[in-house]
N, C-alpha and C. Protein backbone atom coordinates (compact mmCIF):
# COMPACT_ATOMS: atom_id res chain seq x y z
N MET A 1 0.83 -1.17 0.00
CA MET A 1 0.00 0.00 0.00
C MET A 1 0.89 1.24 0.00
N THR A 2 0.45 2.25 -0.71
CA THR A 2 1.18 3.50 -0.83
C THR A 2 1.12 4.28 0.48
N ASP A 3 2.26 4.87 0.89
CA ASP A 3 2.25 5.76 2.03
C ASP A 3 1.53 7.04 1.61
N ARG A 4 0.49 7.39 2.34
CA ARG A 4 -0.35 8.52 1.95
C ARG A 4 0.18 9.86 2.46
N SER A 5 1.09 9.85 3.41
CA SER A 5 1.66 11.09 3.94
C SER A 5 2.95 11.42 3.22
N TYR A 6 3.06 12.65 2.78
CA TYR A 6 4.22 13.17 2.07
C TYR A 6 4.58 12.28 0.87
N PRO A 7 3.63 12.05 -0.01
CA PRO A 7 3.89 11.18 -1.16
C PRO A 7 4.80 11.88 -2.19
N PRO A 8 5.55 11.10 -2.97
CA PRO A 8 6.42 11.70 -3.99
C PRO A 8 5.65 12.20 -5.21
N ARG A 9 4.39 11.77 -5.33
CA ARG A 9 3.53 12.19 -6.46
C ARG A 9 2.08 12.06 -6.02
N PRO A 10 1.17 12.66 -6.75
CA PRO A 10 -0.26 12.52 -6.40
C PRO A 10 -0.68 11.06 -6.39
N ILE A 11 -1.64 10.75 -5.52
CA ILE A 11 -2.17 9.39 -5.38
C ILE A 11 -3.54 9.34 -6.07
N LEU A 12 -3.72 8.36 -6.95
CA LEU A 12 -4.96 8.23 -7.70
C LEU A 12 -6.02 7.48 -6.89
N ALA A 13 -7.21 8.08 -6.81
CA ALA A 13 -8.32 7.47 -6.09
C ALA A 13 -9.60 7.65 -6.90
N VAL A 14 -10.64 6.91 -6.51
CA VAL A 14 -11.95 7.00 -7.15
C VAL A 14 -13.02 7.16 -6.08
N SER A 15 -14.16 7.68 -6.52
CA SER A 15 -15.35 7.68 -5.68
C SER A 15 -16.53 7.34 -6.58
N THR A 16 -17.63 6.90 -5.95
CA THR A 16 -18.78 6.47 -6.74
C THR A 16 -20.04 7.15 -6.25
N ALA A 17 -20.71 7.83 -7.19
CA ALA A 17 -22.00 8.48 -6.93
C ALA A 17 -23.09 7.52 -7.38
N VAL A 18 -23.63 6.76 -6.44
CA VAL A 18 -24.64 5.75 -6.77
C VAL A 18 -26.02 6.40 -6.79
N ILE A 19 -26.69 6.28 -7.92
CA ILE A 19 -28.03 6.81 -8.09
C ILE A 19 -29.03 5.66 -7.97
N ARG A 20 -30.03 5.87 -7.11
CA ARG A 20 -31.09 4.88 -6.91
C ARG A 20 -32.42 5.65 -6.91
N GLY A 21 -33.08 5.63 -8.06
CA GLY A 21 -34.30 6.43 -8.20
C GLY A 21 -33.95 7.90 -8.11
N ASP A 22 -34.54 8.60 -7.14
CA ASP A 22 -34.24 10.02 -6.97
C ASP A 22 -33.32 10.26 -5.77
N ARG A 23 -32.55 9.24 -5.39
CA ARG A 23 -31.65 9.36 -4.25
C ARG A 23 -30.21 9.02 -4.65
N ILE A 24 -29.30 9.56 -3.86
CA ILE A 24 -27.87 9.29 -4.05
C ILE A 24 -27.32 8.76 -2.73
N LEU A 25 -26.37 7.86 -2.82
CA LEU A 25 -25.76 7.25 -1.65
C LEU A 25 -24.63 8.12 -1.12
N LEU A 26 -24.71 8.45 0.18
CA LEU A 26 -23.64 9.17 0.85
C LEU A 26 -23.15 8.36 2.04
N ALA A 27 -21.85 8.44 2.29
CA ALA A 27 -21.25 7.76 3.44
C ALA A 27 -20.54 8.81 4.28
N GLN A 28 -20.72 8.72 5.58
CA GLN A 28 -20.03 9.62 6.49
C GLN A 28 -18.63 9.08 6.74
N ARG A 29 -17.63 9.90 6.51
CA ARG A 29 -16.24 9.47 6.67
C ARG A 29 -15.95 9.17 8.13
N ALA A 30 -15.43 7.97 8.39
CA ALA A 30 -15.14 7.53 9.76
C ALA A 30 -13.72 7.89 10.19
N LYS A 31 -12.87 8.28 9.24
CA LYS A 31 -11.47 8.55 9.52
C LYS A 31 -11.05 9.87 8.88
N PRO A 32 -9.99 10.48 9.42
CA PRO A 32 -9.44 11.66 8.75
C PRO A 32 -8.83 11.27 7.41
N PRO A 33 -8.67 12.13 6.47
CA PRO A 33 -9.16 13.50 6.51
C PRO A 33 -10.66 13.56 6.25
N GLY A 34 -11.29 14.57 6.71
CA GLY A 34 -12.73 14.73 6.49
C GLY A 34 -13.61 13.92 7.41
N GLN A 35 -13.05 13.44 8.52
CA GLN A 35 -13.84 12.62 9.44
C GLN A 35 -15.11 13.37 9.83
N GLY A 36 -16.26 12.66 9.76
CA GLY A 36 -17.55 13.23 10.13
C GLY A 36 -18.29 13.87 8.97
N LEU A 37 -17.62 14.12 7.86
CA LEU A 37 -18.28 14.70 6.69
C LEU A 37 -18.89 13.62 5.83
N TYR A 38 -19.99 13.95 5.18
CA TYR A 38 -20.59 13.02 4.23
C TYR A 38 -19.94 13.22 2.87
N SER A 39 -19.72 12.10 2.19
CA SER A 39 -19.05 12.11 0.91
C SER A 39 -19.50 10.89 0.11
N LEU A 40 -18.88 10.70 -1.03
CA LEU A 40 -19.14 9.51 -1.84
C LEU A 40 -18.18 8.41 -1.41
N PRO A 41 -18.62 7.17 -1.35
CA PRO A 41 -17.71 6.07 -1.02
C PRO A 41 -16.61 5.96 -2.07
N GLY A 42 -15.43 5.59 -1.64
CA GLY A 42 -14.34 5.44 -2.60
C GLY A 42 -13.04 5.06 -1.93
N GLY A 43 -11.98 5.05 -2.73
CA GLY A 43 -10.67 4.69 -2.23
C GLY A 43 -9.65 4.66 -3.35
N LEU A 44 -8.50 4.07 -3.06
CA LEU A 44 -7.38 4.07 -3.99
C LEU A 44 -7.57 3.08 -5.14
N VAL A 45 -7.03 3.47 -6.29
CA VAL A 45 -6.98 2.59 -7.45
C VAL A 45 -5.79 1.66 -7.28
N GLU A 46 -6.01 0.37 -7.49
CA GLU A 46 -4.93 -0.60 -7.38
C GLU A 46 -4.30 -0.84 -8.75
N ILE A 47 -3.06 -1.24 -8.73
CA ILE A 47 -2.34 -1.50 -9.97
C ILE A 47 -3.07 -2.57 -10.78
N GLY A 48 -3.21 -2.32 -12.07
CA GLY A 48 -3.83 -3.29 -12.96
C GLY A 48 -5.34 -3.21 -13.08
N GLU A 49 -5.99 -2.30 -12.34
CA GLU A 49 -7.44 -2.19 -12.48
C GLU A 49 -7.80 -0.85 -13.12
N THR A 50 -8.88 -0.87 -13.85
CA THR A 50 -9.37 0.36 -14.47
C THR A 50 -10.04 1.23 -13.41
N LEU A 51 -10.28 2.47 -13.75
CA LEU A 51 -10.98 3.37 -12.83
C LEU A 51 -12.36 2.83 -12.49
N ALA A 52 -13.09 2.34 -13.51
CA ALA A 52 -14.43 1.80 -13.28
C ALA A 52 -14.38 0.57 -12.37
N GLU A 53 -13.41 -0.31 -12.59
CA GLU A 53 -13.26 -1.48 -11.72
C GLU A 53 -12.96 -1.06 -10.29
N ALA A 54 -12.09 -0.08 -10.12
CA ALA A 54 -11.75 0.41 -8.78
C ALA A 54 -12.97 1.02 -8.10
N ALA A 55 -13.76 1.78 -8.86
CA ALA A 55 -14.96 2.41 -8.30
C ALA A 55 -15.93 1.35 -7.79
N ALA A 56 -16.18 0.32 -8.58
CA ALA A 56 -17.10 -0.75 -8.18
C ALA A 56 -16.54 -1.54 -6.99
N ARG A 57 -15.25 -1.84 -7.00
CA ARG A 57 -14.63 -2.60 -5.91
C ARG A 57 -14.67 -1.81 -4.61
N GLU A 58 -14.25 -0.56 -4.64
CA GLU A 58 -14.23 0.26 -3.43
C GLU A 58 -15.64 0.45 -2.87
N LEU A 59 -16.62 0.59 -3.72
CA LEU A 59 -18.01 0.73 -3.29
C LEU A 59 -18.46 -0.51 -2.52
N MET A 60 -18.15 -1.67 -3.04
CA MET A 60 -18.52 -2.93 -2.38
C MET A 60 -17.74 -3.09 -1.07
N GLU A 61 -16.43 -2.82 -1.09
CA GLU A 61 -15.61 -2.99 0.11
C GLU A 61 -16.02 -2.01 1.22
N GLU A 62 -16.30 -0.79 0.85
CA GLU A 62 -16.55 0.25 1.85
C GLU A 62 -17.96 0.21 2.42
N VAL A 63 -18.98 -0.02 1.57
CA VAL A 63 -20.36 0.07 2.06
C VAL A 63 -21.26 -1.09 1.64
N ALA A 64 -20.72 -2.11 1.00
CA ALA A 64 -21.46 -3.31 0.59
C ALA A 64 -22.64 -2.98 -0.33
N VAL A 65 -22.36 -2.14 -1.33
CA VAL A 65 -23.36 -1.81 -2.34
C VAL A 65 -22.78 -2.18 -3.71
N GLU A 66 -23.64 -2.74 -4.55
CA GLU A 66 -23.25 -3.07 -5.92
C GLU A 66 -23.93 -2.10 -6.86
N ALA A 67 -23.14 -1.56 -7.80
CA ALA A 67 -23.68 -0.61 -8.76
C ALA A 67 -22.91 -0.72 -10.06
N GLU A 68 -23.54 -0.29 -11.14
CA GLU A 68 -22.92 -0.32 -12.45
C GLU A 68 -22.44 1.08 -12.83
N PRO A 69 -21.12 1.29 -12.93
CA PRO A 69 -20.62 2.59 -13.35
C PRO A 69 -21.12 2.93 -14.76
N ILE A 70 -21.59 4.18 -14.92
CA ILE A 70 -22.14 4.59 -16.23
C ILE A 70 -21.37 5.74 -16.86
N GLY A 71 -20.47 6.36 -16.13
CA GLY A 71 -19.68 7.43 -16.71
C GLY A 71 -19.02 8.31 -15.67
N LEU A 72 -18.06 9.07 -16.12
CA LEU A 72 -17.35 9.98 -15.23
C LEU A 72 -18.23 11.18 -14.91
N CYS A 73 -18.20 11.60 -13.64
CA CYS A 73 -19.01 12.75 -13.24
C CYS A 73 -18.21 13.79 -12.49
N GLY A 74 -16.89 13.65 -12.45
CA GLY A 74 -16.09 14.67 -11.82
C GLY A 74 -14.69 14.21 -11.49
N ALA A 75 -13.86 15.18 -11.15
CA ALA A 75 -12.50 14.91 -10.70
C ALA A 75 -12.10 16.05 -9.77
N ARG A 76 -11.41 15.72 -8.71
CA ARG A 76 -11.00 16.70 -7.70
C ARG A 76 -9.57 16.45 -7.29
N ASP A 77 -8.84 17.54 -7.07
CA ASP A 77 -7.54 17.47 -6.41
C ASP A 77 -7.78 17.76 -4.94
N ILE A 78 -7.27 16.90 -4.09
CA ILE A 78 -7.31 17.15 -2.65
C ILE A 78 -5.86 17.29 -2.21
N ILE A 79 -5.48 18.52 -1.89
CA ILE A 79 -4.10 18.82 -1.53
C ILE A 79 -4.10 19.41 -0.12
N MET A 80 -3.37 18.79 0.76
CA MET A 80 -3.26 19.26 2.15
C MET A 80 -1.79 19.57 2.43
N ARG A 81 -1.57 20.72 3.06
CA ARG A 81 -0.21 21.13 3.40
C ARG A 81 -0.03 21.15 4.91
N ASP A 82 1.19 20.87 5.34
CA ASP A 82 1.49 20.93 6.77
C ASP A 82 1.78 22.37 7.18
N ALA A 83 2.17 22.58 8.42
CA ALA A 83 2.40 23.93 8.95
C ALA A 83 3.53 24.66 8.23
N THR A 84 4.44 23.91 7.61
CA THR A 84 5.55 24.54 6.89
C THR A 84 5.22 24.80 5.42
N GLY A 85 4.05 24.37 4.98
CA GLY A 85 3.66 24.56 3.60
C GLY A 85 3.99 23.39 2.69
N GLN A 86 4.64 22.37 3.22
CA GLN A 86 4.98 21.19 2.42
C GLN A 86 3.72 20.37 2.17
N VAL A 87 3.61 19.79 0.98
CA VAL A 87 2.46 18.96 0.65
C VAL A 87 2.51 17.69 1.49
N GLU A 88 1.53 17.56 2.37
CA GLU A 88 1.45 16.39 3.25
C GLU A 88 0.65 15.26 2.60
N ARG A 89 -0.39 15.66 1.86
CA ARG A 89 -1.22 14.68 1.14
C ARG A 89 -1.68 15.29 -0.17
N HIS A 90 -1.73 14.48 -1.21
CA HIS A 90 -2.25 14.92 -2.51
C HIS A 90 -2.92 13.74 -3.19
N PHE A 91 -4.24 13.84 -3.28
CA PHE A 91 -5.04 12.82 -3.96
C PHE A 91 -5.67 13.43 -5.19
N VAL A 92 -5.74 12.67 -6.25
CA VAL A 92 -6.56 13.01 -7.41
C VAL A 92 -7.70 12.00 -7.39
N VAL A 93 -8.92 12.50 -7.16
CA VAL A 93 -10.09 11.63 -7.03
C VAL A 93 -10.95 11.77 -8.28
N VAL A 94 -11.12 10.67 -8.98
CA VAL A 94 -11.98 10.62 -10.17
C VAL A 94 -13.30 9.99 -9.74
N SER A 95 -14.39 10.69 -10.01
CA SER A 95 -15.71 10.23 -9.57
C SER A 95 -16.50 9.63 -10.72
N TYR A 96 -17.13 8.50 -10.43
CA TYR A 96 -17.99 7.80 -11.37
C TYR A 96 -19.44 7.92 -10.92
N ALA A 97 -20.32 8.14 -11.88
CA ALA A 97 -21.75 7.96 -11.64
C ALA A 97 -22.03 6.49 -11.85
N ALA A 98 -22.95 5.94 -11.05
CA ALA A 98 -23.28 4.52 -11.17
C ALA A 98 -24.75 4.32 -10.83
N LEU A 99 -25.34 3.32 -11.42
CA LEU A 99 -26.73 2.96 -11.15
C LEU A 99 -26.76 1.80 -10.16
N TRP A 100 -27.55 1.96 -9.12
CA TRP A 100 -27.68 0.97 -8.06
C TRP A 100 -28.15 -0.37 -8.61
N ILE A 101 -27.56 -1.45 -8.11
CA ILE A 101 -27.99 -2.81 -8.45
C ILE A 101 -28.49 -3.52 -7.20
N ALA A 102 -27.71 -3.50 -6.12
CA ALA A 102 -28.09 -4.25 -4.90
C ALA A 102 -27.37 -3.68 -3.68
N GLY A 103 -27.95 -3.96 -2.51
CA GLY A 103 -27.36 -3.56 -1.24
C GLY A 103 -27.94 -2.26 -0.73
N GLU A 104 -28.19 -2.24 0.57
CA GLU A 104 -28.75 -1.04 1.20
C GLU A 104 -27.65 -0.12 1.71
N GLY A 105 -26.44 -0.65 1.84
CA GLY A 105 -25.33 0.09 2.42
C GLY A 105 -25.12 -0.35 3.85
N GLU A 106 -23.89 -0.59 4.21
CA GLU A 106 -23.53 -1.02 5.56
C GLU A 106 -22.40 -0.16 6.09
N ARG A 107 -22.46 0.12 7.38
CA ARG A 107 -21.37 0.83 8.03
C ARG A 107 -20.12 -0.05 7.99
N SER A 108 -18.97 0.61 8.06
CA SER A 108 -17.69 -0.10 8.02
C SER A 108 -16.65 0.75 8.74
N PRO A 109 -15.43 0.26 8.85
CA PRO A 109 -14.38 1.10 9.43
C PRO A 109 -14.15 2.40 8.65
N GLU A 110 -14.57 2.43 7.39
CA GLU A 110 -14.41 3.62 6.55
C GLU A 110 -15.64 4.52 6.58
N ALA A 111 -16.80 3.97 6.89
CA ALA A 111 -18.07 4.71 6.81
C ALA A 111 -18.86 4.55 8.10
N SER A 112 -18.96 5.64 8.86
CA SER A 112 -19.65 5.57 10.15
C SER A 112 -21.17 5.71 10.03
N ASP A 113 -21.66 6.16 8.88
CA ASP A 113 -23.09 6.27 8.63
C ASP A 113 -23.32 6.18 7.12
N ILE A 114 -24.48 5.66 6.75
CA ILE A 114 -24.87 5.53 5.35
C ILE A 114 -26.23 6.19 5.19
N ARG A 115 -26.37 6.99 4.15
CA ARG A 115 -27.67 7.62 3.88
C ARG A 115 -27.94 7.64 2.39
N TRP A 116 -29.18 7.33 2.05
CA TRP A 116 -29.69 7.54 0.70
C TRP A 116 -30.44 8.87 0.77
N ILE A 117 -29.91 9.87 0.13
CA ILE A 117 -30.42 11.24 0.27
C ILE A 117 -31.15 11.67 -0.98
N GLY A 118 -32.36 12.15 -0.78
CA GLY A 118 -33.10 12.77 -1.87
C GLY A 118 -32.62 14.20 -2.08
N LEU A 119 -33.01 14.79 -3.15
CA LEU A 119 -32.57 16.14 -3.47
C LEU A 119 -32.97 17.16 -2.40
N ASP A 120 -34.08 16.92 -1.74
CA ASP A 120 -34.55 17.87 -0.73
C ASP A 120 -33.77 17.80 0.58
N GLY A 121 -33.02 16.73 0.82
CA GLY A 121 -32.28 16.59 2.07
C GLY A 121 -30.79 16.80 1.95
N PHE A 122 -30.32 17.03 0.76
CA PHE A 122 -28.89 17.10 0.51
C PHE A 122 -28.20 18.24 1.24
N ASP A 123 -28.82 19.40 1.26
CA ASP A 123 -28.19 20.59 1.83
C ASP A 123 -28.16 20.61 3.35
N HIS A 124 -28.75 19.64 4.00
CA HIS A 124 -28.82 19.62 5.45
C HIS A 124 -27.69 18.82 6.10
N LEU A 125 -26.71 18.41 5.32
CA LEU A 125 -25.60 17.61 5.84
C LEU A 125 -24.28 18.34 5.65
N ALA A 126 -23.34 18.10 6.54
CA ALA A 126 -21.97 18.57 6.36
C ALA A 126 -21.29 17.64 5.36
N THR A 127 -20.83 18.17 4.24
CA THR A 127 -20.27 17.34 3.17
C THR A 127 -18.86 17.80 2.79
N THR A 128 -18.18 16.94 2.07
CA THR A 128 -16.88 17.29 1.53
C THR A 128 -17.05 18.36 0.45
N GLU A 129 -16.00 19.12 0.27
CA GLU A 129 -16.03 20.22 -0.70
C GLU A 129 -16.30 19.70 -2.12
N GLY A 130 -17.19 20.38 -2.82
CA GLY A 130 -17.48 20.04 -4.21
C GLY A 130 -18.45 18.89 -4.41
N LEU A 131 -18.97 18.32 -3.33
CA LEU A 131 -19.85 17.16 -3.47
C LEU A 131 -21.11 17.49 -4.27
N GLY A 132 -21.67 18.66 -4.06
CA GLY A 132 -22.88 19.04 -4.80
C GLY A 132 -22.68 19.05 -6.30
N GLU A 133 -21.55 19.58 -6.74
CA GLU A 133 -21.25 19.63 -8.17
C GLU A 133 -21.13 18.22 -8.77
N VAL A 134 -20.44 17.35 -8.07
CA VAL A 134 -20.28 15.97 -8.54
C VAL A 134 -21.63 15.25 -8.54
N ALA A 135 -22.44 15.47 -7.51
CA ALA A 135 -23.76 14.85 -7.44
C ALA A 135 -24.65 15.31 -8.59
N ARG A 136 -24.63 16.61 -8.89
CA ARG A 136 -25.43 17.12 -10.03
C ARG A 136 -25.01 16.45 -11.33
N ALA A 137 -23.71 16.33 -11.52
CA ALA A 137 -23.20 15.70 -12.75
C ALA A 137 -23.60 14.23 -12.81
N ALA A 138 -23.62 13.54 -11.67
CA ALA A 138 -24.02 12.13 -11.64
C ALA A 138 -25.50 11.99 -12.01
N PHE A 139 -26.36 12.82 -11.42
CA PHE A 139 -27.78 12.76 -11.77
C PHE A 139 -28.00 13.07 -13.24
N ALA A 140 -27.21 13.97 -13.81
CA ALA A 140 -27.36 14.31 -15.23
C ALA A 140 -27.04 13.11 -16.12
N LEU A 141 -26.15 12.22 -15.67
CA LEU A 141 -25.79 11.04 -16.47
C LEU A 141 -26.80 9.90 -16.33
N ALA A 142 -27.55 9.90 -15.24
CA ALA A 142 -28.49 8.81 -14.98
C ALA A 142 -29.75 9.02 -15.81
N PRO A 143 -30.12 8.06 -16.63
CA PRO A 143 -31.29 8.22 -17.49
C PRO A 143 -32.56 8.46 -16.69
N GLY A 144 -33.30 9.52 -17.07
CA GLY A 144 -34.59 9.80 -16.45
C GLY A 144 -34.51 10.29 -15.03
N ARG A 145 -33.34 10.76 -14.58
CA ARG A 145 -33.19 11.21 -13.20
C ARG A 145 -33.09 12.73 -13.16
N PRO A 146 -33.49 13.35 -12.06
CA PRO A 146 -33.40 14.80 -11.94
C PRO A 146 -31.94 15.25 -11.87
N SER A 147 -31.63 16.40 -12.47
CA SER A 147 -30.26 16.91 -12.44
C SER A 147 -30.21 18.30 -11.82
N THR A 148 -31.31 18.79 -11.30
CA THR A 148 -31.31 20.11 -10.69
C THR A 148 -31.63 19.99 -9.21
N LEU A 149 -31.64 21.07 -8.55
CA LEU A 149 -32.03 21.22 -7.14
C LEU A 149 -30.94 20.84 -6.15
N ILE A 150 -29.82 20.28 -6.58
CA ILE A 150 -28.72 20.03 -5.64
C ILE A 150 -27.79 21.23 -5.76
N ARG A 151 -27.59 21.92 -4.66
CA ARG A 151 -26.70 23.07 -4.65
C ARG A 151 -25.30 22.63 -4.25
N ALA A 152 -24.32 23.33 -4.80
CA ALA A 152 -22.91 23.02 -4.48
C ALA A 152 -22.57 23.39 -3.06
């Protein structure tokens, strides 16, 4: 496993925006960074797997949900600096939109809470930066799903 602190280059990760009807799956981060914030389930890409494979695998490992990736819905740089200004962590997170297949979502060491959130409840949670934009893009890719009303 790659050392995540003071890496020599950015670390590639994925997240998955699972759409189920008019709801999206959010997981509350159980560990730093972002502990306590709601975000999309995800994790690191392993050598030899595609981004879509990593998104599906991490989704199953983290919250026990199966979904079919349908397209890219965002990318984010997460760069954290220490007190001296040195880059302590740098992740490039590529987000996939996916359509739900099975599983209600289960808590894990990575996810302290699981919620299927409708558009009307999205703004009432503390979330990771940029989650609204990625969620809007995921809904836009899902056939017949709403793509408005989620604010960044």
